[in-house]
Amino acid sequence: MLFFRKLLPCWCLLLLSCRTTLSAHDFFTSIGQMTDLLLTEKDLVTALKDYIKAEESKLERIKKWAEKLEALTIAAAQDPEGFLGHPVNAFKLMKRLNTEWGDLESLVLSDTTDGFISNLTIQRQYFPTDDDQTGAAKALLRLQDTYKLDSNTIATGNLPGATHKTLMTAEDCYELGKIAYTDVDYYHTELWMAQALKQLDGGEESTVDAVTVLDYLSYAIYQQGEMERALEYTKRLLELDPEHQRAKGNVKYFEFQLEKQRNASKDDANKQKEPEKKETAEKKPKEKKDKKAFSLIPERKKYEMLCRGEGIKMTPRRESRLFCRYYDNNHNPFYVVGPVKQQDEWDRPYIVRFLDIISAKEIEKVKQLAKPRLRRATVHDPKTGKLTTAQYRISKSAWLTAYEDPVVQTINQRIEDLTGLEMDTAEELQVANYGVGGQYEPHFDFGRKDEPDAFKELGTGNRIATWLFYMSDVSAGGATVFPDVGASVRPQKGTAVFWYNLFPSGEGDYSTRHAACPVLVGNKWVSNKWIHERGQEWRRPCGLNETD
């Protein structure tokens, strides 16, 4: 017993030393840092099992004591006076009641929880916050919308490319619906409360009851204007709980409103009986409108379509102009003997991919350097000109300088050799890891004319080009898409893509507006180099026309 009580504080100290680097901020924005949480939970489970062993050992001793006394008292109760007539029995009774029962009391009152509770309290400061839970929940809803997934597909874990399938309980679905409800998102409230109800109807045991789920579900449906369905669910609620006061009032209200609607529809009956030909004639323009070009679709829809692999496709004629080649950048000495593999990804804007351009060993080193420094990714606020976090960029990033490790210097030199652009004025290598549903919505890498001070503090001009390494494969989602032109570039570990943000004239190329699609399944690591104008004067000649 004493052994276990000494062991638990040791576990506490061990876990504390192992987890001091955890940061309880925005865990959901980086899968890489969330892996530390799994290790923390694993250690806590080990400590919990040690605590259970200590409790079992304590109870086993009490049980043996009780069994011994039970046999003794049964024998003594048959002839109490004769039993106590034996002087040894009389002595042992005095001893038991005076000493041994006191020892048993101390054993029962001994607390084996100290070590585990201390450990849990220490670790709790590194646990995710309410914001993390809410952020992860909203990420699931975002994935559901972007990839057009029904609630049952997510709840059963049948996501494309998923190898570790996990079922969501009715309580999980309920909590997701409640978070949507708090956000006044009645559409998702309905979807997830309906899923919770479906699982409860299927016989799943849960701490959540159907009455509570139906209460949320009927209200969410009512808020979306579907009075009749809201009434049906409210009546079902009353069948389960006839004394539910709010439901009683809602039934009367819904019935009253539906009756008003029916009366109003009778008055409009003549209008609804107009010739069908006229309706057909009015619909024709809408049908034509639906066939308008991809470019007229709202950007958000184009972005989501491209993330799903839909949208504009390159014509066979244009596609025939894209080539694969061995590339040495005009006989660069480093690549004359061993040129790299390069392939065209898109023609306008011109996007190329370099294959096998960063090794697995280099990737692991870059991740090792970046992981302890990962912080919530920021964006330039056009109003203030300062860096700030934004809900449309869900990831964590770190910056690596060339002088801190040879591998970073090697990578920078490789980019310079293959692009022919000066790296001294480029920004540091940025490493990013995307979180749950990690994304970066459509944006420009360069500063526009209405942002004259976007990179003023750097003193190196605008961002002339972008180089993007893919340091992991992604099972599903996570593509880099260009909504204005319909281009979609899939992550492929060990490759890099490159494009110019500015025309040779210095004008911004607005067709380079791009986005990182939400990661549906997998862990996305990238690193990028933003190359600036200064120092390129003799490396990329200026153009005289605006779009040269």
Foldseek 3Di string as FASTA:
>chain_A
DVVLLVVLLVLLVVLCVVCVLFDQPQPQLFPLSCVVVVVSVVSLVVSVVSLVVVVVVLVVVVVVVVVVVVVVVVVCVVPVVVQVVPVVSVVVVCCCVVPVVVVNVCSVPDDSCVSSVSSCVSCVNRDHDPVNVLLLLVLVVVCCVLQVNAPVCVQQQVDFLDDDRDHHALVNLCVSLVSCVVVVNLVSVQRSLVVSLVRVVVVDDDPDDNLVSLVSNLVSCVVVPPLVVSLVSLVVSCVVPVPPVVSVVSNVVSVVVVVVVVVVVVVCVVVVPPDVVVVVVVCVVVVVVVPDALLPPDLVVLQSQVLNVHDDDDDPVQVVPKDKDFDQPVPQVVPVVPGWIKTWQHVVQTKMKTALQADLVLLVVVCVVKVSPWDQAWDQDLVVLDTDHDSQARKTKDFDACPPDVSQVVSLVSVCRRQVADQVLWGTKMKIKGRSQGKHPWDAQWDAPSRPCNPVVSVQAIQFKKKKAWQDAASGGFWKAQSNVSGTHHRDHSMMMMGTQAALQRHGRNSRGIMTGTRNGDITMMIMMGGGDHRCCVRRPHDDDRRD
